[in-house]
Amino acid sequence: MAKRGGRPSGSWRKALAIPASKRAILCLDGGGIRGIMTIQLLKRLEEIAQKPCHEIFDMVAGTSTGGIIAGLIAAGKTALEIESLYSKFVKLVFTERLLGNRFINPPEYTKKNYRDILRSELSNVTLLDVCTQNDIDLLITANDVAEGEETYFACKRDNAGTSTDRYKDVLLRAAMEATMSAPTYFTPLERLVDGGVTTYNNPSLAAITEAVRYGPPGKYAAEQLVVVSFGTGYRQQLIAADEVPDPPGPDAMFWLQWIMSEAGADASDMQSYFLRSGACAGIDYRRFQISLDHTAINKLPDQPLQHDDNTPAQSIHQLTDPELAAIELDDVKHFDVMRAIGAGFVAYLDQETGYPPFTRDLIDPQTKKELLVTRSGNTDTIASQMSDPNWLDHYQD
């Protein structure tokens, strides 16, 4: 079989529609416990390919919970192994500090258990160690608060296995701690916090830029890329339009929560809009995202829920909009709900799209809108109001 970059071409490429002439990059969003949905997609992808992700993709990139999963993929873990480890993380990582509170006495949680697990699982391997061992390039994002800029913990190797990246000798577990250090939830790792607090909760553009602009000469070219991007579910802000000028509860608390949640989501969306616009000609971009609302969830084949005191719903179709909107990144009690939504997402890809899973972008080919993202805004009302001088002149602020 012909080889490219040390990777044999074969039936898995046909199953995933990745030509032998192209490089493949896997990009994983942040989203806390909602990353369990991502893992359900990865498990199905590996079942189809009959290969672990580190043998499929040339590069894996991740932010926050996606950075944790990306690091484990680079370390040679299968999706099933990652699911087992991830379940352990979730049960132990969100351990509340004595008197800890996100808004009054942050951070809310301690990272001790997380550090202990990573030390046990990864020892002191570096980015270069795992990338060399498993023949994959890696990017994990963080944000440098002192400099006000994104930091890319990257390792990209040339054909001889050499990397010139500044952070190639960084401990993998250090990068995996930096990327999950979400402000108010966890302490920063010195100057570094979660890479998803600003632009790159969806690391797609970061990965493409790092590969094409800063990768080894001749290894990555934009027109020869397949980029597979997994979201963790878009959590809607449920507030009526007429409540926005005077939101419920303390205004400062509402807007702080809104900014922390919405800024990263908007930046992620803008990357998808840009990559789908055709401005980067040649890139085969495949984004898999869902909005956590009743309309989107009901498009999925129904999945049973383990009954407990956290929700009266017996299946994902019975979940209400308020229940879905309340699934925070640290919402451990809804971990199994997100796992079930992930199972429904996989069933949707298998049964409802009319083409093999993961082989193309999850959009309507005519409208170009995402098939499982239902938010669109009341565009008719906005257009009418904003075109009316009488409405504007009489609006009471």
Protein backbone atom coordinates (compact mmCIF):
# COMPACT_ATOMS: atom_id res chain seq x y z
CA MET A 1 0.00 0.00 0.00
CA ALA A 2 1.16 3.54 -0.69
CA LYS A 3 2.29 5.47 2.31
CA ARG A 4 2.17 9.14 3.22
CA GLY A 5 4.02 10.52 6.21
CA GLY A 6 4.59 7.02 7.55
CA ARG A 7 0.85 6.18 7.53
CA PRO A 8 -0.40 3.37 5.26
CA SER A 9 -3.43 4.14 3.15
CA GLY A 10 -6.19 1.57 3.27
CA SER A 11 -9.82 0.78 3.97
CA TRP A 12 -10.02 3.20 6.90
CA ARG A 13 -9.31 6.11 4.55
CA LYS A 14 -12.16 5.00 2.30
CA ALA A 15 -14.48 4.56 5.29
CA LEU A 16 -13.76 8.12 6.49
CA ALA A 17 -13.39 9.64 2.98
CA ILE A 18 -9.85 10.84 3.69
CA PRO A 19 -7.82 10.59 0.48
CA ALA A 20 -4.25 9.29 0.74
CA SER A 21 -3.04 12.62 -0.67
CA LYS A 22 -4.38 14.55 2.32
CA ARG A 23 -3.31 15.16 5.90
CA ALA A 24 -5.97 14.85 8.62
CA ILE A 25 -6.26 17.03 11.73
CA LEU A 26 -8.59 16.30 14.66
CA CYS A 27 -9.78 19.34 16.66
CA LEU A 28 -11.54 19.00 20.02
CA ASP A 29 -13.45 21.82 21.74
CA GLY A 30 -13.48 22.68 25.41
CA GLY A 31 -16.63 22.26 27.50
CA GLY A 32 -15.90 20.58 30.83
CA ILE A 33 -17.90 17.44 31.55
CA ARG A 34 -19.62 17.81 28.17
CA GLY A 35 -16.47 16.31 26.67
CA ILE A 36 -18.02 12.91 27.37
CA MET A 37 -20.17 13.58 24.29
CA THR A 38 -17.00 14.07 22.23
CA ILE A 39 -15.71 10.72 23.45
CA GLN A 40 -18.86 8.96 22.19
CA LEU A 41 -18.14 10.38 18.73
CA LEU A 42 -14.50 9.32 18.93
CA LYS A 43 -15.48 5.78 19.91
CA ARG A 44 -17.72 5.51 16.84
CA LEU A 45 -15.06 6.99 14.58
CA GLU A 46 -12.56 4.39 15.79
CA GLU A 47 -15.11 1.59 15.30
CA ILE A 48 -15.60 2.67 11.69
CA ALA A 49 -11.88 3.02 10.99
CA GLN A 50 -10.88 -0.05 13.02
CA LYS A 51 -7.96 2.05 14.21
CA PRO A 52 -7.25 4.32 17.19
CA CYS A 53 -7.25 8.04 16.52
CA HIS A 54 -3.47 8.41 16.84
CA GLU A 55 -3.12 6.08 13.84
CA ILE A 56 -5.71 8.01 11.80
CA PHE A 57 -4.82 11.66 12.30
CA ASP A 58 -1.58 13.48 11.52
CA MET A 59 -2.28 16.07 14.21
CA VAL A 60 -4.63 16.32 17.18
CA ALA A 61 -5.48 19.68 18.74
CA GLY A 62 -7.52 20.42 21.83
CA THR A 63 -8.59 23.06 24.31
CA SER A 64 -9.55 22.53 27.96
CA THR A 65 -11.45 19.24 28.17
CA GLY A 66 -10.59 18.78 24.49
CA GLY A 67 -6.94 19.37 25.38
CA ILE A 68 -7.14 16.60 27.97
CA ILE A 69 -8.59 14.21 25.39
CA ALA A 70 -6.05 15.34 22.76
CA GLY A 71 -3.17 14.71 25.15
CA LEU A 72 -4.43 11.21 25.88
CA ILE A 73 -4.83 10.48 22.15
CA ALA A 74 -1.25 11.63 21.55
CA ALA A 75 -0.18 9.36 24.41
CA GLY A 76 -1.57 6.41 22.46
CA LYS A 77 -4.85 5.87 24.33
CA THR A 78 -7.88 4.51 22.51
CA ALA A 79 -11.26 6.20 22.82
CA LEU A 80 -12.46 3.40 25.10
CA GLU A 81 -9.44 3.87 27.35
CA ILE A 82 -9.98 7.62 27.34
CA GLU A 83 -13.62 7.16 28.34
CA SER A 84 -12.55 5.10 31.35
CA LEU A 85 -9.94 7.67 32.40
CA TYR A 86 -12.28 10.58 31.71
CA SER A 87 -14.98 9.10 33.95
CA LYS A 88 -12.36 8.85 36.68
CA PHE A 89 -11.32 12.49 36.11
CA VAL A 90 -14.88 13.77 36.38
CA LYS A 91 -15.57 11.94 39.64
CA LEU A 92 -12.36 13.16 41.27
CA VAL A 93 -11.41 16.46 39.63
CA PHE A 94 -14.43 18.55 40.62
CA THR A 95 -13.56 18.33 44.32
CA GLU A 96 -14.72 21.46 46.08
CA ARG A 97 -12.27 23.48 48.15
CA LEU A 98 -13.22 24.27 51.73
CA LEU A 99 -15.31 27.46 51.48
CA GLY A 100 -14.48 27.66 47.77
CA ASN A 101 -16.93 29.56 45.57
CA ARG A 102 -16.55 30.75 41.97
CA PHE A 103 -17.71 34.30 42.67
CA ILE A 104 -17.07 34.93 46.37
CA ASN A 105 -13.97 32.88 47.14
CA PRO A 106 -12.54 31.44 43.92
CA PRO A 107 -11.43 28.97 42.82
CA GLU A 108 -14.24 26.57 43.55
CA TYR A 109 -12.23 23.38 43.03
CA THR A 110 -8.79 21.97 43.80
CA LYS A 111 -6.58 20.40 41.12
CA LYS A 112 -4.84 17.96 43.48
CA ASN A 113 -6.68 14.84 42.31
CA TYR A 114 -6.26 15.80 38.66
CA ARG A 115 -2.52 16.27 39.13
CA ASP A 116 -2.21 12.94 40.91
CA ILE A 117 -4.03 11.07 38.13
CA LEU A 118 -1.94 12.68 35.38
CA ARG A 119 1.30 11.93 37.23
CA SER A 120 0.24 8.32 37.63
CA GLU A 121 -0.88 7.89 34.01
CA LEU A 122 1.75 9.92 32.16
CA SER A 123 4.77 10.17 34.46
CA ASN A 124 7.17 12.79 33.04
CA VAL A 125 6.78 12.22 29.29
CA THR A 126 7.19 15.28 27.11
CA LEU A 127 5.21 16.38 24.08
CA LEU A 128 8.05 15.19 21.86
CA ASP A 129 8.16 11.81 23.64
CA VAL A 130 4.54 10.95 22.90
CA CYS A 131 4.50 12.46 19.41
CA THR A 132 7.56 10.44 18.46
CA GLN A 133 6.30 7.24 20.03
CA ASN A 134 2.84 7.43 18.41
CA ASP A 135 3.72 9.23 15.16
CA ILE A 136 1.36 12.16 15.64
CA ASP A 137 1.66 15.94 16.00
CA LEU A 138 0.01 17.72 18.92
CA LEU A 139 -1.35 21.14 19.84
CA ILE A 140 -2.80 22.06 23.24
CA THR A 141 -3.93 25.64 23.82
CA ALA A 142 -3.63 27.79 26.93
CA ASN A 143 -3.80 31.52 27.59
CA ASP A 144 -0.94 33.58 29.05
CA VAL A 145 -2.67 36.11 31.31
CA ALA A 146 0.52 38.10 31.95
CA GLU A 147 1.06 38.67 28.23
CA GLY A 148 -2.59 38.65 27.19
CA GLU A 149 -2.04 36.14 24.41
CA GLU A 150 -2.78 32.57 23.46
CA THR A 151 -0.04 30.01 24.09
CA TYR A 152 0.27 26.97 21.85
CA PHE A 153 1.93 23.95 23.40
CA ALA A 154 2.81 22.32 20.10
CA CYS A 155 5.03 19.58 18.75
CA LYS A 156 5.26 19.09 15.00
CA ARG A 157 7.89 16.79 13.52
CA ASP A 158 9.56 16.64 10.13
CA ASN A 159 10.19 13.42 8.18
CA ALA A 160 13.26 12.73 10.29
CA GLY A 161 11.22 13.02 13.50
CA THR A 162 12.83 16.32 14.48
CA SER A 163 10.86 19.20 15.99
CA THR A 164 11.96 22.81 16.33
CA ASP A 165 8.95 23.85 18.45
CA ARG A 166 9.77 25.97 21.49
CA TYR A 167 7.62 23.85 23.80
CA LYS A 168 8.41 20.38 22.46
CA ASP A 169 10.14 19.42 25.74
CA VAL A 170 7.26 20.59 27.94
CA LEU A 171 5.81 17.87 30.15
CA LEU A 172 2.58 16.60 28.62
CA ARG A 173 0.87 16.70 32.01
CA ALA A 174 1.91 20.35 32.47
CA ALA A 175 0.27 21.35 29.17
CA MET A 176 -2.79 19.28 30.09
CA GLU A 177 -3.06 21.13 33.40
CA ALA A 178 -2.62 24.57 31.86
CA THR A 179 -5.38 24.03 29.30
CA MET A 180 -7.99 23.08 31.93
CA SER A 181 -7.21 25.84 34.45
CA ALA A 182 -10.47 27.71 33.88
CA PRO A 183 -10.59 30.95 35.90
CA THR A 184 -12.79 30.83 39.01
CA TYR A 185 -13.10 27.05 38.68
CA PHE A 186 -9.38 26.28 39.21
CA THR A 187 -6.21 28.18 40.07
CA PRO A 188 -4.02 29.27 37.14
CA LEU A 189 -0.86 27.31 36.46
CA GLU A 190 1.33 30.28 37.34
CA ARG A 191 0.51 32.69 34.47
CA LEU A 192 -1.44 30.19 32.36
CA VAL A 193 -5.20 29.60 32.25
CA ASP A 194 -7.68 27.61 30.17
CA GLY A 195 -7.16 28.16 26.45
CA GLY A 196 -10.92 28.41 25.94
CA VAL A 197 -11.44 31.67 27.85
CA THR A 198 -10.91 33.74 24.71
CA THR A 199 -10.62 32.76 21.06
CA TYR A 200 -9.73 29.11 20.79
CA ASN A 201 -12.26 27.06 22.69
CA ASN A 202 -12.66 25.59 19.21
CA PRO A 203 -8.99 25.08 18.26
CA SER A 204 -9.59 24.59 14.52
CA LEU A 205 -7.99 27.81 13.24
CA ALA A 206 -5.15 27.49 15.75
CA ALA A 207 -4.40 23.99 14.49
CA ILE A 208 -4.58 24.98 10.81
CA THR A 209 -2.36 28.02 11.37
CA GLU A 210 0.15 26.07 13.43
CA ALA A 211 0.32 23.26 10.88
CA VAL A 212 0.40 25.28 7.65
CA ARG A 213 2.37 28.34 8.77
CA TYR A 214 4.66 26.88 11.42
CA GLY A 215 4.82 23.18 10.55
CA PRO A 216 7.84 21.54 8.91
CA PRO A 217 8.24 22.73 5.29
CA GLY A 218 6.16 20.67 2.91
CA LYS A 219 4.34 18.63 5.55
CA TYR A 220 1.02 20.51 5.71
CA ALA A 221 -0.69 22.53 2.96
CA ALA A 222 -4.12 24.13 3.34
CA GLU A 223 -5.43 22.62 0.10
CA GLN A 224 -4.47 19.16 1.33
CA LEU A 225 -6.15 19.19 4.75
CA VAL A 226 -9.12 17.34 6.16
CA VAL A 227 -10.09 18.96 9.47
CA VAL A 228 -12.51 17.04 11.70
CA SER A 229 -13.86 19.25 14.49
CA PHE A 230 -15.95 18.07 17.45
CA GLY A 231 -17.97 20.47 19.62
CA THR A 232 -19.22 19.70 23.12
CA GLY A 233 -22.74 21.09 22.77
CA TYR A 234 -23.79 24.72 22.64
CA ARG A 235 -25.55 25.69 25.88
CA GLN A 236 -28.16 28.34 25.16
CA GLN A 237 -28.70 31.42 27.31
CA LEU A 238 -32.39 31.28 28.19
CA ILE A 239 -33.55 34.85 28.70
CA ALA A 240 -36.41 36.70 27.05
CA ALA A 241 -35.51 39.64 24.80
CA ASP A 242 -37.38 42.15 26.96
CA GLU A 243 -35.47 40.97 30.05
CA VAL A 244 -32.01 41.67 28.62
CA PRO A 245 -31.85 45.38 29.65
CA ASP A 246 -32.70 44.36 33.23
CA PRO A 247 -31.74 40.69 33.62
CA PRO A 248 -32.92 38.60 36.58
CA GLY A 249 -30.71 38.66 39.66
CA PRO A 250 -27.70 40.94 40.23
CA ASP A 251 -26.72 42.55 36.92
CA ALA A 252 -22.97 42.14 37.45
CA MET A 253 -23.35 38.42 38.20
CA PHE A 254 -25.53 37.87 35.13
CA TRP A 255 -23.22 39.68 32.73
CA LEU A 256 -20.07 38.08 34.14
CA GLN A 257 -21.59 34.63 33.68
CA TRP A 258 -22.86 35.56 30.22
CA ILE A 259 -19.50 36.89 29.03
CA MET A 260 -17.60 33.87 30.32
CA SER A 261 -20.00 31.52 28.55
CA GLU A 262 -20.73 33.44 25.37
CA ALA A 263 -17.36 34.89 24.35
CA GLY A 264 -15.77 31.52 23.71
CA ALA A 265 -18.88 30.19 21.96
CA ASP A 266 -19.02 33.17 19.60
CA ALA A 267 -15.32 32.84 18.77
CA SER A 268 -15.84 29.14 18.04
CA ASP A 269 -18.76 29.90 15.74
CA MET A 270 -16.80 32.55 13.87
CA GLN A 271 -14.10 30.00 13.07
CA SER A 272 -16.71 27.64 11.61
CA TYR A 273 -18.30 30.46 9.59
CA PHE A 274 -14.90 31.45 8.21
CA LEU A 275 -13.78 27.94 7.33
CA ARG A 276 -17.12 27.21 5.65
CA SER A 277 -17.07 30.46 3.68
CA GLY A 278 -14.57 29.19 1.13
CA ALA A 279 -12.02 31.83 2.13
CA CYS A 280 -9.56 29.00 2.85
CA ALA A 281 -10.00 27.22 -0.45
CA GLY A 282 -9.24 23.52 -0.44
CA ILE A 283 -9.71 22.77 3.26
CA ASP A 284 -12.18 19.93 3.82
CA TYR A 285 -13.75 21.12 7.07
CA ARG A 286 -16.10 18.77 8.94
CA ARG A 287 -17.70 20.23 12.06
CA PHE A 288 -19.89 18.17 14.43
CA GLN A 289 -21.80 20.31 16.93
CA ILE A 290 -25.24 20.35 18.55
CA SER A 291 -27.15 22.99 20.45
CA LEU A 292 -28.46 21.83 23.80
CA ASP A 293 -32.12 22.61 23.27
CA HIS A 294 -35.26 20.52 22.94
CA THR A 295 -35.56 21.08 19.17
CA ALA A 296 -32.04 19.84 18.41
CA ILE A 297 -32.11 16.95 20.87
CA ASN A 298 -35.40 15.70 19.42
CA LYS A 299 -33.72 15.27 16.04
CA LEU A 300 -31.58 12.54 17.59
CA PRO A 301 -32.83 8.96 17.93
CA ASP A 302 -34.11 8.78 21.50
CA GLN A 303 -31.82 7.35 24.18
CA PRO A 304 -32.78 6.12 27.67
CA LEU A 305 -31.52 7.92 30.76
CA GLN A 306 -30.51 6.29 34.00
CA HIS A 307 -33.24 7.45 36.38
CA ASP A 308 -32.02 9.38 39.40
CA ASP A 309 -32.95 12.47 41.38
CA ASN A 310 -31.19 14.86 38.99
CA THR A 311 -33.89 14.85 36.33
CA PRO A 312 -37.36 13.27 36.07
CA ALA A 313 -36.76 12.61 32.35
CA GLN A 314 -36.66 8.98 31.30
CA SER A 315 -35.02 9.66 27.94
CA ILE A 316 -33.21 12.50 26.19
CA HIS A 317 -36.37 13.49 24.29
CA GLN A 318 -38.02 14.33 27.63
CA LEU A 319 -35.30 16.81 28.62
CA THR A 320 -36.64 20.37 28.81
CA ASP A 321 -34.92 23.51 27.54
CA PRO A 322 -34.21 24.77 31.10
CA GLU A 323 -32.68 21.39 32.03
CA LEU A 324 -30.48 21.41 28.94
CA ALA A 325 -29.45 25.04 29.35
CA ALA A 326 -28.43 24.33 32.94
CA ILE A 327 -25.72 21.80 32.02
CA GLU A 328 -22.61 23.70 33.10
CA LEU A 329 -19.05 22.59 32.40
CA ASP A 330 -18.71 21.39 36.03
CA ASP A 331 -22.18 19.80 36.16
CA VAL A 332 -21.11 16.32 37.26
CA LYS A 333 -24.68 15.32 38.09
CA HIS A 334 -25.57 15.54 34.38
CA PHE A 335 -22.50 13.63 33.19
CA ASP A 336 -24.58 10.59 32.18
CA VAL A 337 -27.10 12.86 30.43
CA MET A 338 -24.31 14.17 28.19
CA ARG A 339 -23.11 10.61 27.62
CA ALA A 340 -26.64 9.67 26.45
CA ILE A 341 -26.81 12.73 24.19
CA GLY A 342 -23.49 11.62 22.73
CA ALA A 343 -24.96 8.17 22.06
CA GLY A 344 -27.92 9.85 20.34
CA PHE A 345 -25.52 11.98 18.28
CA VAL A 346 -23.75 8.82 17.11
CA ALA A 347 -27.09 7.18 16.24
CA TYR A 348 -28.06 10.31 14.27
CA LEU A 349 -24.86 10.14 12.23
CA ASP A 350 -25.42 6.43 11.60
CA GLN A 351 -29.12 6.60 10.72
CA GLU A 352 -30.31 10.06 9.75
CA THR A 353 -27.82 11.84 7.50
CA GLY A 354 -27.97 9.53 4.50
CA TYR A 355 -24.19 9.26 4.17
CA PRO A 356 -21.45 7.49 6.16
CA PRO A 357 -20.57 9.13 9.51
CA PHE A 358 -17.75 11.68 9.61
CA THR A 359 -17.31 11.76 5.83
CA ARG A 360 -18.58 15.32 5.33
CA ASP A 361 -19.50 18.52 7.13
CA LEU A 362 -22.69 18.32 9.22
CA ILE A 363 -24.60 21.01 7.36
CA ASP A 364 -27.56 21.21 5.02
CA PRO A 365 -25.98 21.42 1.52
CA GLN A 366 -28.65 23.87 0.33
CA THR A 367 -28.99 26.28 3.26
CA LYS A 368 -25.44 25.73 4.61
CA LYS A 369 -26.91 25.72 8.12
CA GLU A 370 -25.77 23.21 10.72
CA LEU A 371 -28.17 20.29 10.96
CA LEU A 372 -28.15 20.04 14.76
CA VAL A 373 -27.75 23.70 15.72
CA THR A 374 -31.13 25.41 15.93
CA ARG A 375 -30.37 28.87 17.26
CA SER A 376 -30.92 31.57 14.67
CA GLY A 377 -32.50 34.51 16.48
CA ASN A 378 -35.75 36.29 15.70
CA THR A 379 -34.35 37.87 12.57
CA ASP A 380 -37.68 39.23 11.31
CA THR A 381 -38.31 41.15 14.53
CA ILE A 382 -34.76 42.51 14.62
CA ALA A 383 -34.95 43.66 11.01
CA SER A 384 -38.33 45.34 11.58
CA GLN A 385 -37.38 47.13 14.79
CA MET A 386 -33.95 48.28 13.64
CA SER A 387 -35.41 49.70 10.42
CA ASP A 388 -38.06 51.76 12.26
CA PRO A 389 -37.01 55.28 13.42
CA ASN A 390 -40.19 55.55 15.51
CA TRP A 391 -39.30 52.35 17.43
CA LEU A 392 -35.75 53.57 18.01
CA ASP A 393 -36.75 57.07 19.11
CA HIS A 394 -39.30 55.78 21.60
CA TYR A 395 -37.24 52.90 23.00
CA GLN A 396 -36.80 53.41 26.74
CA ASP A 397 -33.30 52.57 28.00
